Amino acid sequence: MFILANFIRALAEVVNIGLTLFMWIVIAHAILSWVRPDPFNPIVRFINQVSEPLLYQIRSRIPSSFGGIDFSPIIVLLGVVFLRIFIVDSLLRLSMILS
C-alpha cells in the first residue's frame, strides 16, 4: 500500500509544481501587459500562448464595465490558489491515510 501512497504523494507534488508555474506565467503575462514587449520575442510568445486561452475565456464571461481594468488575471490566480489548496492538499492527505 505504501507504493500507492508514494505515487499519490508524487502526483500531488507534480500538480503543485505545475499550478505554481502556471501562476507565475499568469503573473508575468499581467506584468507584460503594462509594457509593450517585443511580440516576436520567444519568451513573450510562450507566455501569451500559455496564458491567453484561459484569460480570454474569463474576459468573455465578465462584464468589461470596470473602468478598463482587466480582472481576468486575478480571477485565474484565485482559481489556481483554490486548486492548489483543494487538489494538492486532498492528495497529500489521501497519501498519508494510505501509508
Protein backbone atom coordinates (compact mmCIF):
# COMPACT_ATOMS: atom_id res chain seq x y z
CA MET A 1 0.00 0.00 0.00
CA PHE A 2 2.96 2.33 0.54
CA ILE A 3 3.69 2.29 -3.21
CA LEU A 4 0.25 3.72 -3.95
CA ALA A 5 0.72 6.28 -1.18
CA ASN A 6 4.08 7.35 -2.63
CA PHE A 7 2.58 7.57 -6.12
CA ILE A 8 -0.25 9.80 -4.90
CA ARG A 9 2.20 11.98 -2.97
CA ALA A 10 4.40 12.34 -6.06
CA LEU A 11 1.33 13.17 -8.15
CA ALA A 12 0.37 15.86 -5.63
CA GLU A 13 3.84 17.39 -5.85
CA VAL A 14 3.80 17.39 -9.67
CA VAL A 15 0.36 19.04 -9.71
CA ASN A 16 1.57 21.59 -7.17
CA ILE A 17 4.62 22.45 -9.28
CA GLY A 18 2.52 22.70 -12.44
CA LEU A 19 -0.02 25.00 -10.83
CA THR A 20 2.75 27.14 -9.33
CA LEU A 21 4.43 27.50 -12.73
CA PHE A 22 1.12 28.44 -14.33
CA MET A 23 0.54 31.01 -11.59
CA TRP A 24 3.90 32.64 -12.32
CA ILE A 25 3.18 32.62 -16.06
CA VAL A 26 -0.10 34.47 -15.46
CA ILE A 27 1.71 36.99 -13.24
CA ALA A 28 4.33 37.51 -15.96
CA HIS A 29 1.55 37.98 -18.52
CA ALA A 30 -0.08 40.63 -16.33
CA ILE A 31 3.22 42.47 -15.87
CA LEU A 32 3.98 42.28 -19.59
CA SER A 33 0.58 43.82 -20.35
CA TRP A 34 1.73 47.03 -18.63
CA VAL A 35 4.62 47.48 -21.08
CA ARG A 36 4.96 46.89 -24.79
CA PRO A 37 7.39 43.98 -25.14
CA ASP A 38 8.62 42.74 -28.48
CA PRO A 39 5.82 40.44 -29.74
CA PHE A 40 8.36 38.33 -31.64
CA ASN A 41 10.39 37.50 -28.53
CA PRO A 42 10.08 33.73 -27.94
CA ILE A 43 9.58 34.14 -24.18
CA VAL A 44 6.80 36.68 -24.67
CA ARG A 45 5.16 34.46 -27.28
CA PHE A 46 5.33 31.44 -24.96
CA ILE A 47 3.79 33.37 -22.06
CA ASN A 48 0.99 34.63 -24.28
CA GLN A 49 0.31 31.22 -25.84
CA VAL A 50 0.08 29.53 -22.44
CA SER A 51 -1.96 32.10 -20.53
CA GLU A 52 -4.12 33.82 -23.14
CA PRO A 53 -6.61 30.97 -23.86
CA LEU A 54 -7.80 30.85 -20.24
CA LEU A 55 -7.66 34.61 -19.78
CA TYR A 56 -9.72 35.08 -22.96
CA GLN A 57 -12.39 32.67 -21.71
CA ILE A 58 -12.71 34.64 -18.47
CA ARG A 59 -12.69 38.01 -20.24
CA SER A 60 -15.55 36.91 -22.46
CA ARG A 61 -17.67 35.99 -19.41
CA ILE A 62 -17.16 39.00 -17.13
CA PRO A 63 -18.50 42.47 -17.94
CA SER A 64 -15.97 44.99 -19.16
CA SER A 65 -17.52 47.98 -17.38
CA PHE A 66 -14.91 48.14 -14.62
CA GLY A 67 -13.17 51.23 -15.93
CA GLY A 68 -10.85 49.39 -18.30
CA ILE A 69 -9.23 47.27 -15.59
CA ASP A 70 -8.68 43.64 -16.57
CA PHE A 71 -9.61 41.42 -13.64
CA SER A 72 -9.10 38.13 -15.50
CA PRO A 73 -5.55 37.52 -14.15
CA ILE A 74 -6.82 37.99 -10.59
CA ILE A 75 -9.65 35.51 -11.19
CA VAL A 76 -7.21 32.99 -12.68
CA LEU A 77 -4.82 33.40 -9.74
CA LEU A 78 -7.66 32.86 -7.27
CA GLY A 79 -8.64 29.73 -9.21
CA VAL A 80 -5.08 28.42 -9.11
CA VAL A 81 -4.85 29.02 -5.36
CA PHE A 82 -8.17 27.22 -4.89
CA LEU A 83 -6.98 24.24 -6.94
CA ARG A 84 -3.68 24.10 -5.06
CA ILE A 85 -5.48 24.00 -1.72
CA PHE A 86 -8.24 21.65 -2.80
CA ILE A 87 -6.47 19.14 -5.04
CA VAL A 88 -2.93 19.10 -3.67
CA ASP A 89 -3.93 19.03 -0.01
CA SER A 90 -6.54 16.35 -0.69
CA LEU A 91 -3.99 14.17 -2.48
CA LEU A 92 -1.43 14.66 0.27
CA ARG A 93 -3.97 13.75 2.93
CA LEU A 94 -5.00 10.67 0.95
CA SER A 95 -1.38 9.58 0.68
CA MET A 96 -0.94 9.95 4.45
CA ILE A 97 -4.02 7.85 5.07
CA LEU A 98 -2.75 5.11 2.73
CA SER A 99 0.74 4.97 4.22
